[in-house]
N, C-alpha and C. Protein backbone atom coordinates (compact mmCIF):
# COMPACT_ATOMS: atom_id res chain seq x y z
N UNK A 1 -47.82 98.03 -10.41
CA UNK A 1 -47.55 97.03 -9.32
C UNK A 1 -48.02 95.67 -9.64
N UNK A 2 -47.12 94.62 -9.45
CA UNK A 2 -47.84 93.44 -9.62
C UNK A 2 -48.74 92.76 -8.85
N UNK A 3 -49.53 91.82 -9.34
CA UNK A 3 -50.56 91.36 -8.52
C UNK A 3 -50.11 90.42 -7.33
N UNK A 4 -50.95 90.39 -6.33
CA UNK A 4 -50.58 89.66 -5.14
C UNK A 4 -50.80 88.19 -5.54
N UNK A 5 -50.02 87.19 -5.00
CA UNK A 5 -50.17 85.73 -5.04
C UNK A 5 -50.86 85.35 -3.78
N UNK A 6 -51.58 84.26 -3.90
CA UNK A 6 -52.20 83.60 -2.70
C UNK A 6 -51.37 83.47 -1.49
N UNK A 7 -51.84 83.63 -0.29
CA UNK A 7 -50.97 83.32 0.84
C UNK A 7 -50.26 81.81 0.81
N UNK A 8 -49.16 81.90 1.10
CA UNK A 8 -48.59 80.72 1.19
C UNK A 8 -47.91 80.18 2.52
N UNK A 9 -48.14 79.05 2.98
CA UNK A 9 -47.49 78.45 4.12
C UNK A 9 -46.35 77.66 3.93
N UNK A 10 -45.36 77.87 4.83
CA UNK A 10 -43.99 77.31 4.61
C UNK A 10 -43.50 76.77 5.89
N UNK A 11 -42.65 75.80 5.92
CA UNK A 11 -41.89 75.36 6.99
C UNK A 11 -40.65 75.42 6.76
N UNK A 12 -39.92 76.35 7.60
CA UNK A 12 -38.43 76.78 7.46
C UNK A 12 -37.63 76.03 8.33
N UNK A 13 -36.31 76.08 8.20
CA UNK A 13 -35.22 75.59 9.08
C UNK A 13 -34.87 76.69 9.99
N UNK A 14 -34.99 76.64 11.28
CA UNK A 14 -34.45 77.50 12.11
C UNK A 14 -33.37 77.10 12.96
N UNK A 15 -32.79 77.89 13.91
CA UNK A 15 -31.77 77.53 14.67
C UNK A 15 -31.96 76.26 15.49
N UNK A 16 -33.11 76.29 16.08
CA UNK A 16 -33.64 75.08 17.02
C UNK A 16 -34.75 74.28 16.35
N UNK A 17 -34.89 74.17 15.03
CA UNK A 17 -35.93 73.29 14.37
C UNK A 17 -36.79 74.12 13.49
N UNK A 18 -37.84 73.67 13.25
CA UNK A 18 -38.89 74.07 12.26
C UNK A 18 -39.35 75.49 12.69
N UNK A 19 -39.51 76.32 11.66
CA UNK A 19 -40.29 77.69 12.03
C UNK A 19 -41.38 77.65 10.85
N UNK A 20 -42.65 77.85 11.39
CA UNK A 20 -43.90 77.81 10.49
C UNK A 20 -43.98 79.20 10.17
N UNK A 21 -44.27 79.41 8.88
CA UNK A 21 -44.47 80.78 8.33
C UNK A 21 -45.61 80.96 7.34
N UNK A 22 -46.07 82.24 7.21
CA UNK A 22 -47.07 82.61 6.25
C UNK A 22 -46.42 83.69 5.41
N UNK A 23 -46.61 83.46 4.01
CA UNK A 23 -45.92 84.49 3.06
C UNK A 23 -46.92 85.05 2.21
N UNK A 24 -46.93 86.44 2.15
CA UNK A 24 -47.73 87.28 1.44
C UNK A 24 -46.77 87.97 0.44
N UNK A 25 -46.92 87.68 -0.96
CA UNK A 25 -45.82 88.33 -1.96
C UNK A 25 -46.72 88.62 -3.03
N UNK A 26 -46.12 89.65 -3.80
CA UNK A 26 -46.57 90.08 -5.11
C UNK A 26 -45.91 89.07 -6.19
N UNK A 27 -46.36 89.18 -7.42
CA UNK A 27 -45.84 88.33 -8.47
C UNK A 27 -44.33 88.56 -8.67
N UNK A 28 -43.97 89.88 -8.55
CA UNK A 28 -42.56 90.10 -8.65
C UNK A 28 -42.00 90.95 -7.33
N UNK A 29 -41.30 90.27 -6.63
CA UNK A 29 -40.95 91.04 -5.20
C UNK A 29 -39.75 92.02 -5.70
N UNK A 30 -39.98 93.07 -4.94
CA UNK A 30 -38.91 94.07 -5.08
C UNK A 30 -38.27 94.60 -3.77
N UNK A 31 -38.67 93.69 -2.71
CA UNK A 31 -38.24 93.91 -1.31
C UNK A 31 -38.63 92.62 -0.56
N UNK A 32 -38.07 92.65 0.79
CA UNK A 32 -38.27 91.38 1.61
C UNK A 32 -38.71 92.02 2.88
N UNK A 33 -39.52 91.52 3.51
CA UNK A 33 -40.18 92.08 4.74
C UNK A 33 -40.34 90.88 5.68
N UNK A 34 -40.09 91.07 7.01
CA UNK A 34 -40.31 90.02 8.12
C UNK A 34 -41.32 90.74 9.03
N UNK A 35 -42.42 90.14 9.32
CA UNK A 35 -43.32 90.65 10.32
C UNK A 35 -43.57 89.73 11.50
N UNK A 36 -43.45 90.26 12.74
CA UNK A 36 -43.49 89.59 14.00
C UNK A 36 -44.75 89.77 14.75
N UNK A 37 -45.31 88.66 15.23
CA UNK A 37 -46.62 88.75 16.00
C UNK A 37 -46.44 89.05 17.55
N UNK A 38 -47.47 89.26 18.15
CA UNK A 38 -47.55 89.60 19.54
C UNK A 38 -47.25 88.33 20.30
N UNK A 39 -47.17 88.51 21.62
CA UNK A 39 -46.69 87.66 22.67
C UNK A 39 -47.32 86.19 22.63
N UNK A 40 -46.39 85.11 22.20
CA UNK A 40 -46.88 83.77 22.21
C UNK A 40 -47.50 83.14 23.37
N UNK A 41 -47.15 83.72 24.57
CA UNK A 41 -47.88 83.11 25.91
C UNK A 41 -49.04 83.75 26.11
N UNK A 42 -49.54 84.64 25.33
CA UNK A 42 -50.82 85.42 25.35
C UNK A 42 -51.64 85.13 24.06
N UNK A 43 -51.53 84.08 23.50
CA UNK A 43 -52.32 83.76 22.36
C UNK A 43 -51.81 84.52 21.03
N UNK A 44 -50.61 85.04 21.05
CA UNK A 44 -50.11 85.59 19.82
C UNK A 44 -49.70 84.52 18.88
N UNK A 45 -50.00 84.88 17.63
CA UNK A 45 -49.70 83.94 16.47
C UNK A 45 -49.72 84.71 15.22
N UNK A 46 -49.03 84.15 14.11
CA UNK A 46 -48.87 84.87 12.84
C UNK A 46 -50.16 85.19 12.10
N UNK A 47 -51.23 84.66 12.73
CA UNK A 47 -52.53 85.09 12.25
C UNK A 47 -53.18 86.31 12.84
N UNK A 48 -52.56 86.89 13.80
CA UNK A 48 -52.98 88.19 14.48
C UNK A 48 -53.29 89.15 13.46
N UNK A 49 -54.45 89.92 13.77
CA UNK A 49 -54.86 90.74 12.78
C UNK A 49 -53.96 91.82 12.39
N UNK A 50 -53.21 92.37 13.32
CA UNK A 50 -52.22 93.54 13.11
C UNK A 50 -51.03 93.05 12.40
N UNK A 51 -50.47 91.82 12.69
CA UNK A 51 -49.44 91.33 11.94
C UNK A 51 -50.00 91.03 10.45
N UNK A 52 -51.15 90.57 10.27
CA UNK A 52 -51.72 90.34 8.99
C UNK A 52 -51.72 91.57 8.21
N UNK A 53 -52.28 92.59 8.90
CA UNK A 53 -52.38 93.90 8.19
C UNK A 53 -51.01 94.49 7.79
N UNK A 54 -50.04 94.41 8.65
CA UNK A 54 -48.78 94.81 8.20
C UNK A 54 -48.16 93.94 7.04
N UNK A 55 -48.40 92.66 7.12
CA UNK A 55 -47.73 91.87 6.04
C UNK A 55 -48.53 92.24 4.61
N UNK A 56 -49.82 92.39 4.72
CA UNK A 56 -50.57 92.73 3.55
C UNK A 56 -50.10 93.99 2.93
N UNK A 57 -49.86 95.11 3.89
CA UNK A 57 -49.45 96.39 3.63
C UNK A 57 -48.03 96.24 2.85
N UNK A 58 -47.07 95.57 3.56
CA UNK A 58 -45.78 95.45 2.95
C UNK A 58 -45.95 94.59 1.57
N UNK A 59 -46.77 93.85 1.36
CA UNK A 59 -46.90 93.04 -0.01
C UNK A 59 -47.32 94.14 -0.94
N UNK A 60 -48.43 95.04 -0.60
CA UNK A 60 -48.83 96.01 -1.54
C UNK A 60 -47.82 97.17 -1.95
N UNK A 61 -46.62 97.14 -1.06
CA UNK A 61 -45.67 98.08 -1.35
C UNK A 61 -44.42 97.28 -2.14
N UNK A 62 -44.77 96.09 -2.49
CA UNK A 62 -43.93 95.40 -3.38
C UNK A 62 -42.98 94.38 -2.67
N UNK A 63 -43.22 94.24 -1.40
CA UNK A 63 -42.39 93.31 -0.61
C UNK A 63 -42.97 91.90 -0.56
N UNK A 64 -42.12 90.92 -0.43
CA UNK A 64 -42.44 89.56 -0.28
C UNK A 64 -42.42 89.57 1.36
N UNK A 65 -43.61 89.41 2.06
CA UNK A 65 -43.67 89.50 3.49
C UNK A 65 -43.77 88.11 4.10
N UNK A 66 -42.97 87.82 5.07
CA UNK A 66 -42.84 86.47 5.69
C UNK A 66 -43.23 86.80 7.26
N UNK A 67 -44.35 86.06 7.61
CA UNK A 67 -44.94 86.05 8.97
C UNK A 67 -44.65 84.75 9.73
N UNK A 68 -43.47 84.65 10.42
CA UNK A 68 -43.20 83.42 11.05
C UNK A 68 -43.95 83.38 12.48
N UNK A 69 -44.25 82.17 12.85
CA UNK A 69 -44.70 81.84 14.16
C UNK A 69 -43.53 81.78 15.01
N UNK A 70 -43.61 82.44 16.39
CA UNK A 70 -42.61 82.32 17.18
C UNK A 70 -42.45 80.88 17.72
N UNK A 71 -41.21 80.53 18.36
CA UNK A 71 -41.09 79.24 18.86
C UNK A 71 -42.21 78.76 19.71
N UNK A 72 -42.55 77.56 19.62
CA UNK A 72 -43.80 77.13 20.56
C UNK A 72 -45.22 77.50 20.04
N UNK A 73 -45.42 78.09 18.94
CA UNK A 73 -46.50 78.45 18.38
C UNK A 73 -46.80 77.71 16.98
N UNK A 74 -48.07 77.29 17.00
CA UNK A 74 -48.36 76.33 15.71
C UNK A 74 -47.19 75.19 15.52
N UNK A 75 -46.68 75.09 14.31
CA UNK A 75 -45.68 74.03 14.01
C UNK A 75 -44.31 74.51 14.34
N UNK A 76 -44.09 75.70 15.01
CA UNK A 76 -42.77 76.22 15.24
C UNK A 76 -42.17 75.53 16.37
N UNK A 77 -40.81 74.95 16.15
CA UNK A 77 -40.32 74.19 17.31
C UNK A 77 -39.59 75.17 18.41
N UNK A 78 -39.28 74.72 19.55
CA UNK A 78 -38.75 75.29 20.60
C UNK A 78 -39.60 75.92 21.54
N UNK A 79 -38.99 76.66 22.60
CA UNK A 79 -39.89 77.17 23.76
C UNK A 79 -39.43 78.78 23.80
N UNK A 80 -40.44 79.32 24.24
CA UNK A 80 -40.51 80.70 24.51
C UNK A 80 -39.15 81.15 25.22
N UNK A 81 -38.36 82.28 24.73
CA UNK A 81 -37.06 82.62 25.29
C UNK A 81 -36.98 84.18 25.66
N UNK A 82 -38.18 84.84 25.74
CA UNK A 82 -38.28 86.16 26.21
C UNK A 82 -37.62 87.15 25.23
N UNK A 83 -37.46 86.71 23.93
CA UNK A 83 -36.96 87.64 22.88
C UNK A 83 -35.56 87.33 22.43
N UNK A 84 -35.02 86.51 23.27
CA UNK A 84 -33.33 86.15 22.84
C UNK A 84 -33.31 85.34 21.75
N UNK A 85 -33.68 84.15 21.84
CA UNK A 85 -33.67 83.11 20.82
C UNK A 85 -34.63 83.53 19.69
N UNK A 86 -35.65 84.29 20.08
CA UNK A 86 -36.64 84.73 18.93
C UNK A 86 -35.97 85.70 18.06
N UNK A 87 -34.96 86.49 18.33
CA UNK A 87 -34.08 87.36 17.66
C UNK A 87 -33.39 86.54 16.59
N UNK A 88 -32.75 85.47 17.03
CA UNK A 88 -32.10 84.59 16.12
C UNK A 88 -32.99 84.01 15.17
N UNK A 89 -34.19 83.47 15.52
CA UNK A 89 -35.26 83.00 14.56
C UNK A 89 -35.57 83.96 13.51
N UNK A 90 -35.73 85.26 13.93
CA UNK A 90 -36.30 86.22 12.89
C UNK A 90 -35.10 86.45 11.86
N UNK A 91 -33.69 86.55 12.44
CA UNK A 91 -32.59 86.60 11.44
C UNK A 91 -32.61 85.41 10.45
N UNK A 92 -32.82 84.35 10.96
CA UNK A 92 -32.89 83.05 10.14
C UNK A 92 -33.83 83.01 9.16
N UNK A 93 -35.12 83.64 9.49
CA UNK A 93 -36.04 83.90 8.48
C UNK A 93 -35.80 84.89 7.48
N UNK A 94 -35.11 85.94 7.78
CA UNK A 94 -34.60 86.98 6.94
C UNK A 94 -33.68 86.23 5.86
N UNK A 95 -32.74 85.45 6.54
CA UNK A 95 -31.64 84.84 5.65
C UNK A 95 -32.22 83.87 4.67
N UNK A 96 -33.40 83.14 5.12
CA UNK A 96 -34.18 82.18 4.23
C UNK A 96 -34.67 83.04 3.05
N UNK A 97 -35.34 84.07 3.49
CA UNK A 97 -36.10 85.04 2.30
C UNK A 97 -35.02 85.49 1.39
N UNK A 98 -33.86 85.98 1.91
CA UNK A 98 -32.80 86.44 1.00
C UNK A 98 -32.31 85.34 0.11
N UNK A 99 -32.29 84.11 0.51
CA UNK A 99 -31.87 83.07 -0.33
C UNK A 99 -32.87 82.79 -1.53
N UNK A 100 -34.23 83.16 -1.18
CA UNK A 100 -35.25 82.73 -2.18
C UNK A 100 -35.38 83.88 -3.07
N UNK A 101 -35.30 85.22 -2.56
CA UNK A 101 -35.66 86.26 -3.40
C UNK A 101 -34.48 87.28 -3.80
N UNK A 102 -33.37 86.97 -3.00
CA UNK A 102 -32.22 87.74 -3.42
C UNK A 102 -32.00 88.92 -2.43
N UNK A 103 -30.94 89.72 -2.66
CA UNK A 103 -30.55 90.77 -1.90
C UNK A 103 -31.32 91.94 -2.23
N UNK A 104 -32.37 92.13 -1.74
CA UNK A 104 -33.49 93.09 -1.98
C UNK A 104 -33.56 94.08 -0.71
N UNK A 105 -34.17 95.05 -0.85
CA UNK A 105 -34.30 96.13 0.20
C UNK A 105 -35.16 95.31 1.19
N UNK A 106 -34.86 95.61 2.57
CA UNK A 106 -35.41 94.91 3.70
C UNK A 106 -36.38 95.82 4.34
N UNK A 107 -37.58 95.18 4.81
CA UNK A 107 -38.60 95.76 5.64
C UNK A 107 -38.87 95.06 6.87
N UNK A 108 -38.86 95.72 7.95
CA UNK A 108 -39.00 94.98 9.35
C UNK A 108 -40.34 95.53 10.06
N UNK A 109 -41.38 94.63 10.34
CA UNK A 109 -42.47 95.02 11.00
C UNK A 109 -42.77 94.16 12.15
N UNK A 110 -43.44 94.74 13.16
CA UNK A 110 -43.72 93.99 14.48
C UNK A 110 -44.90 94.59 15.37
N UNK A 111 -45.55 93.97 16.00
CA UNK A 111 -46.55 94.26 16.88
C UNK A 111 -46.39 93.83 18.18
N UNK A 112 -46.38 94.66 19.39
CA UNK A 112 -46.48 94.43 20.68
C UNK A 112 -44.95 93.63 21.16
N UNK A 113 -45.04 92.51 21.57
CA UNK A 113 -43.79 91.64 21.79
C UNK A 113 -43.03 91.46 20.55
N UNK A 114 -43.64 91.24 19.40
CA UNK A 114 -43.08 91.15 18.16
C UNK A 114 -42.22 92.41 17.68
N UNK A 115 -42.80 93.56 18.13
CA UNK A 115 -42.13 94.91 17.83
C UNK A 115 -40.90 94.96 18.65
N UNK A 116 -41.08 94.56 20.00
CA UNK A 116 -39.78 94.54 20.89
C UNK A 116 -38.73 93.65 20.30
N UNK A 117 -39.12 92.38 19.87
CA UNK A 117 -38.02 91.55 19.29
C UNK A 117 -37.34 92.15 18.10
N UNK A 118 -38.20 92.74 17.30
CA UNK A 118 -37.75 93.49 16.07
C UNK A 118 -36.79 94.61 16.34
N UNK A 119 -37.02 95.19 17.36
CA UNK A 119 -35.96 96.31 17.81
C UNK A 119 -34.59 95.66 17.82
N UNK A 120 -34.46 94.39 18.41
CA UNK A 120 -33.27 93.77 18.61
C UNK A 120 -32.77 93.23 17.19
N UNK A 121 -33.59 92.74 16.48
CA UNK A 121 -33.30 92.41 14.93
C UNK A 121 -32.64 93.57 14.36
N UNK A 122 -33.42 94.77 14.37
CA UNK A 122 -32.90 96.08 13.60
C UNK A 122 -31.46 96.38 14.12
N UNK A 123 -31.18 96.34 15.49
CA UNK A 123 -29.93 96.66 16.05
C UNK A 123 -28.81 95.90 15.32
N UNK A 124 -29.22 94.55 15.14
CA UNK A 124 -28.15 93.69 14.45
C UNK A 124 -27.93 93.87 13.10
N UNK A 125 -29.03 94.28 12.39
CA UNK A 125 -28.94 94.77 10.89
C UNK A 125 -28.40 95.98 10.64
N UNK A 126 -28.51 97.03 11.59
CA UNK A 126 -27.85 98.22 11.43
C UNK A 126 -26.39 98.12 11.66
N UNK A 127 -25.90 97.11 12.33
CA UNK A 127 -24.49 96.99 12.51
C UNK A 127 -23.89 96.10 11.44
N UNK A 128 -24.74 95.64 10.41
CA UNK A 128 -24.19 94.91 9.28
C UNK A 128 -24.24 95.67 8.06
N UNK A 129 -23.98 95.03 6.95
CA UNK A 129 -24.00 95.59 5.67
C UNK A 129 -25.49 95.77 5.05
N UNK A 130 -26.36 95.24 5.73
CA UNK A 130 -27.64 95.23 5.08
C UNK A 130 -28.71 95.92 6.17
N UNK A 131 -28.68 97.16 6.42
CA UNK A 131 -29.64 97.82 7.34
C UNK A 131 -30.95 97.94 6.64
N UNK A 132 -32.01 97.93 7.39
CA UNK A 132 -33.37 97.59 6.77
C UNK A 132 -33.72 99.20 6.27
N UNK A 133 -34.46 99.03 5.09
CA UNK A 133 -35.02 100.35 4.54
C UNK A 133 -36.19 100.87 5.25
N UNK A 134 -37.16 100.10 5.61
CA UNK A 134 -38.36 100.37 6.32
C UNK A 134 -38.56 99.64 7.61
N UNK A 135 -38.99 100.28 8.56
CA UNK A 135 -39.21 99.62 10.01
C UNK A 135 -40.55 100.35 10.39
N UNK A 136 -41.56 99.38 10.73
CA UNK A 136 -42.76 99.85 11.47
C UNK A 136 -42.98 99.03 12.60
N UNK A 137 -43.19 99.62 13.82
CA UNK A 137 -43.56 99.07 15.05
C UNK A 137 -44.84 99.58 15.53
N UNK A 138 -45.80 98.53 15.99
CA UNK A 138 -47.06 98.97 16.35
C UNK A 138 -47.21 98.46 17.82
N UNK A 139 -47.64 99.30 18.73
CA UNK A 139 -47.93 98.96 20.02
C UNK A 139 -46.63 98.29 20.66
N UNK A 140 -45.48 99.01 20.45
CA UNK A 140 -44.27 98.27 20.74
C UNK A 140 -44.19 98.16 22.30
N UNK A 141 -43.78 96.86 22.91
CA UNK A 141 -43.62 96.69 24.14
C UNK A 141 -42.30 97.38 24.64
N UNK A 142 -42.50 98.31 25.68
CA UNK A 142 -41.32 98.97 26.23
C UNK A 142 -41.62 99.32 27.75
N UNK A 143 -40.83 98.97 28.63
CA UNK A 143 -40.88 99.40 30.21
C UNK A 143 -41.68 98.25 30.70
N UNK A 144 -42.47 98.80 31.83
CA UNK A 144 -43.24 97.80 32.63
C UNK A 144 -44.52 97.65 31.74
N UNK A 145 -45.10 96.66 31.51
CA UNK A 145 -46.44 96.45 30.86
C UNK A 145 -47.33 95.38 31.80
N UNK A 146 -48.51 95.27 31.36
CA UNK A 146 -49.48 94.46 32.04
C UNK A 146 -48.88 92.99 32.00
N UNK A 147 -49.25 92.23 33.11
CA UNK A 147 -48.65 90.90 33.25
C UNK A 147 -47.42 90.84 33.92
N UNK A 148 -46.98 91.87 34.57
CA UNK A 148 -45.74 91.84 35.33
C UNK A 148 -44.56 91.56 34.52
N UNK A 149 -44.60 92.18 33.25
CA UNK A 149 -43.49 91.98 32.29
C UNK A 149 -42.84 93.22 32.16
N UNK A 150 -41.40 93.21 31.70
CA UNK A 150 -40.82 94.45 31.52
C UNK A 150 -39.73 94.28 30.50
N UNK A 151 -39.64 95.25 29.67
CA UNK A 151 -38.86 95.25 28.44
C UNK A 151 -37.93 96.35 28.36
N UNK A 152 -36.70 95.93 27.87
CA UNK A 152 -35.54 96.97 27.70
C UNK A 152 -35.55 96.94 26.27
N UNK A 153 -36.16 98.02 25.57
CA UNK A 153 -36.34 98.00 24.07
C UNK A 153 -35.18 98.77 23.43
N UNK A 154 -34.64 98.25 22.48
CA UNK A 154 -33.50 98.71 21.72
C UNK A 154 -34.04 100.13 20.93
N UNK A 155 -32.95 101.04 20.87
CA UNK A 155 -33.32 102.13 19.94
C UNK A 155 -33.42 101.83 18.52
N UNK A 156 -34.08 102.49 17.62
CA UNK A 156 -34.27 102.21 16.20
C UNK A 156 -33.91 103.32 15.42
N UNK A 157 -33.68 103.24 14.10
CA UNK A 157 -33.34 104.19 13.06
C UNK A 157 -34.34 105.38 13.12
N UNK A 158 -33.89 106.55 12.73
CA UNK A 158 -34.74 107.77 12.99
C UNK A 158 -35.94 107.71 11.83
N UNK A 159 -35.73 106.89 10.95
CA UNK A 159 -36.65 106.73 9.84
C UNK A 159 -37.86 105.77 10.21
N UNK A 160 -37.78 105.17 11.33
CA UNK A 160 -38.69 104.18 11.73
C UNK A 160 -40.05 104.75 12.05
N UNK A 161 -41.19 104.05 11.69
CA UNK A 161 -42.59 104.44 11.94
C UNK A 161 -42.90 103.70 13.27
N UNK A 162 -43.17 104.42 14.29
CA UNK A 162 -43.87 103.97 15.58
C UNK A 162 -45.18 104.36 15.54
N UNK A 163 -46.05 103.38 15.85
CA UNK A 163 -47.56 103.68 15.80
C UNK A 163 -47.95 103.18 17.11
N UNK A 164 -48.81 103.95 17.83
CA UNK A 164 -49.20 103.66 19.20
C UNK A 164 -50.63 104.08 19.46
N UNK A 165 -51.54 103.31 20.12
CA UNK A 165 -52.84 103.69 20.47
C UNK A 165 -52.77 104.66 21.86
N UNK A 166 -53.73 105.67 21.63
CA UNK A 166 -53.84 106.60 22.77
C UNK A 166 -54.22 105.83 23.98
N UNK A 167 -55.17 105.04 23.84
CA UNK A 167 -55.82 104.25 24.98
C UNK A 167 -55.25 102.73 25.29
N UNK A 168 -54.04 102.65 24.70
CA UNK A 168 -53.40 101.23 25.04
C UNK A 168 -53.34 100.80 26.39
N UNK A 169 -54.06 99.75 26.80
CA UNK A 169 -54.07 99.31 28.13
C UNK A 169 -53.26 98.18 28.51
N UNK A 170 -52.40 97.94 27.52
CA UNK A 170 -51.20 96.78 27.74
C UNK A 170 -49.91 97.56 27.89
N UNK A 171 -49.56 98.39 26.90
CA UNK A 171 -48.28 99.22 27.08
C UNK A 171 -48.66 100.74 27.07
N UNK A 172 -48.42 101.25 28.20
CA UNK A 172 -48.97 102.58 28.29
C UNK A 172 -48.18 103.59 27.29
N UNK A 173 -48.94 104.41 26.77
CA UNK A 173 -48.34 105.44 25.76
C UNK A 173 -47.13 105.94 26.50
N UNK A 174 -47.15 106.38 27.76
CA UNK A 174 -46.09 107.11 28.49
C UNK A 174 -44.79 106.22 28.17
N UNK A 175 -44.95 104.84 28.43
CA UNK A 175 -43.76 103.96 28.26
C UNK A 175 -43.08 104.17 26.92
N UNK A 176 -43.95 104.25 25.88
CA UNK A 176 -43.36 104.47 24.55
C UNK A 176 -42.70 105.82 24.21
N UNK A 177 -43.27 106.80 24.87
CA UNK A 177 -42.73 108.15 24.81
C UNK A 177 -41.39 108.29 25.64
N UNK A 178 -41.34 107.49 26.83
CA UNK A 178 -40.01 107.52 27.53
C UNK A 178 -39.01 106.85 26.70
N UNK A 179 -39.27 105.63 26.09
CA UNK A 179 -38.34 105.04 25.14
C UNK A 179 -37.95 105.97 23.99
N UNK A 180 -38.96 106.57 23.43
CA UNK A 180 -38.67 107.49 22.13
C UNK A 180 -38.02 108.71 22.43
N UNK A 181 -38.12 109.42 23.63
CA UNK A 181 -37.69 110.58 23.97
C UNK A 181 -36.14 110.88 23.74
N UNK A 182 -35.46 109.88 24.27
CA UNK A 182 -33.87 109.94 24.19
C UNK A 182 -33.37 109.89 22.62
N UNK A 183 -34.34 109.29 21.82
CA UNK A 183 -33.87 109.11 20.47
C UNK A 183 -34.40 110.32 19.62
N UNK A 184 -35.20 111.15 20.25
CA UNK A 184 -35.72 112.25 19.35
C UNK A 184 -36.67 111.53 18.34
N UNK A 185 -37.26 110.44 18.66
CA UNK A 185 -38.02 109.56 17.67
C UNK A 185 -39.58 109.87 17.75
N UNK A 186 -40.02 110.46 16.54
CA UNK A 186 -41.58 110.75 16.65
C UNK A 186 -42.24 109.46 16.80
N UNK A 187 -43.53 109.63 17.55
CA UNK A 187 -44.47 108.56 17.79
C UNK A 187 -45.86 109.03 17.15
N UNK A 188 -46.38 108.15 16.29
CA UNK A 188 -47.59 108.47 15.83
C UNK A 188 -48.81 107.92 16.70
N UNK A 189 -49.46 108.71 17.22
CA UNK A 189 -50.65 108.26 18.35
C UNK A 189 -51.85 108.34 17.57
N UNK A 190 -52.65 107.24 17.64
CA UNK A 190 -53.99 107.04 17.05
C UNK A 190 -55.02 107.42 18.08
N UNK A 191 -55.78 108.47 18.02
CA UNK A 191 -56.69 108.76 19.06
C UNK A 191 -57.72 107.63 19.33
N UNK A 192 -57.90 107.36 20.53
CA UNK A 192 -59.07 106.40 20.78
C UNK A 192 -58.73 104.94 20.61
N UNK A 193 -57.46 104.55 20.08
CA UNK A 193 -57.06 103.18 19.70
C UNK A 193 -56.68 102.53 20.98
N UNK A 194 -57.09 101.18 21.12
CA UNK A 194 -56.46 100.43 22.10
C UNK A 194 -55.23 99.65 21.71
N UNK A 195 -54.75 98.72 22.39
CA UNK A 195 -53.55 98.01 22.05
C UNK A 195 -53.84 97.22 20.84
N UNK A 196 -54.97 96.73 20.60
CA UNK A 196 -55.26 95.90 19.44
C UNK A 196 -55.91 96.56 18.33
N UNK A 197 -55.98 97.92 18.38
CA UNK A 197 -56.54 98.65 17.36
C UNK A 197 -57.86 98.27 16.89
N UNK A 198 -58.73 97.97 17.68
CA UNK A 198 -60.02 97.44 17.30
C UNK A 198 -60.75 98.41 16.61
N UNK A 199 -61.21 98.19 15.35
CA UNK A 199 -61.89 98.92 14.47
C UNK A 199 -61.02 100.04 13.73
N UNK A 200 -59.83 100.10 13.80
CA UNK A 200 -58.82 100.99 13.44
C UNK A 200 -57.56 100.38 12.69
N UNK A 201 -57.75 99.26 12.26
CA UNK A 201 -56.67 98.59 11.37
C UNK A 201 -56.37 99.46 10.09
N UNK A 202 -57.43 99.97 9.58
CA UNK A 202 -57.19 100.60 8.36
C UNK A 202 -56.58 101.89 8.52
N UNK A 203 -56.38 102.44 9.72
CA UNK A 203 -55.54 103.65 10.08
C UNK A 203 -54.02 103.16 9.98
N UNK A 204 -53.84 102.01 10.40
CA UNK A 204 -52.41 101.60 10.53
C UNK A 204 -51.87 101.25 8.93
N UNK A 205 -52.71 100.77 8.27
CA UNK A 205 -52.48 100.54 6.69
C UNK A 205 -52.32 101.91 6.03
N UNK A 206 -53.22 102.82 6.35
CA UNK A 206 -53.12 104.23 5.70
C UNK A 206 -51.82 104.98 6.16
N UNK A 207 -51.44 104.87 7.39
CA UNK A 207 -50.20 105.56 8.00
C UNK A 207 -49.01 104.98 7.13
N UNK A 208 -49.03 103.63 6.87
CA UNK A 208 -47.87 103.06 6.44
C UNK A 208 -47.72 103.57 4.74
N UNK A 209 -48.82 103.21 4.26
CA UNK A 209 -49.05 103.57 2.85
C UNK A 209 -48.70 105.04 2.34
N UNK A 210 -49.17 105.94 3.24
CA UNK A 210 -48.94 107.29 2.98
C UNK A 210 -47.35 107.69 3.27
N UNK A 211 -46.80 106.90 4.10
CA UNK A 211 -45.35 107.25 4.62
C UNK A 211 -44.30 106.77 3.52
N UNK A 212 -44.62 105.68 2.88
CA UNK A 212 -43.77 104.98 2.11
C UNK A 212 -44.29 104.62 0.64
N UNK A 213 -43.37 105.08 -0.16
CA UNK A 213 -43.71 104.94 -1.67
C UNK A 213 -43.64 103.43 -2.11
N UNK A 214 -44.44 102.78 -2.94
CA UNK A 214 -44.14 101.58 -3.46
C UNK A 214 -42.78 101.45 -3.93
N UNK A 215 -42.18 100.12 -3.77
CA UNK A 215 -40.86 100.06 -4.46
C UNK A 215 -41.00 99.84 -6.07
């Protein structure tokens, strides 16, 4: 496997203006991943530690991993749109990555609100000629969550990795099981983990690396 390059910062052109992104890539990318961070109105940004962990794990699997800031965060233009315009932004980031690295296998990752938005992205990709090879969702927002927010989360492919904390205080484990049950979709539950997986980031990394072989 090729060595990792230093993290790169880029300003991309999105549907409504600039999208700020961080890029973690190996010397020779064999895949492309887009990783989405948690809710921007609750201090979510592409520097979030779970988004960072997912991006670095994708990189170690041979993917060029792009972590955009959602609209209104950092130097990303636009205003929060509850996942609707954010879906278009992530698709634009993926298109930019494909223009840079070519038509490579696609990986999709997200945490919390970012995981919710990625279910919308995956639905679009599944209906296209380029469905994602790998999908990992951590602490995915589903149903009624803290802060009087509600999410209608899209179904995802059966090969997706869904990782949730047993003691998640933001998105109840029961919510995710209710979402997964009609899909017969397995959920990996990390005992003792809260929403932000404090002290347990290595478990997320280990689950992904054990599940997927490097490209």
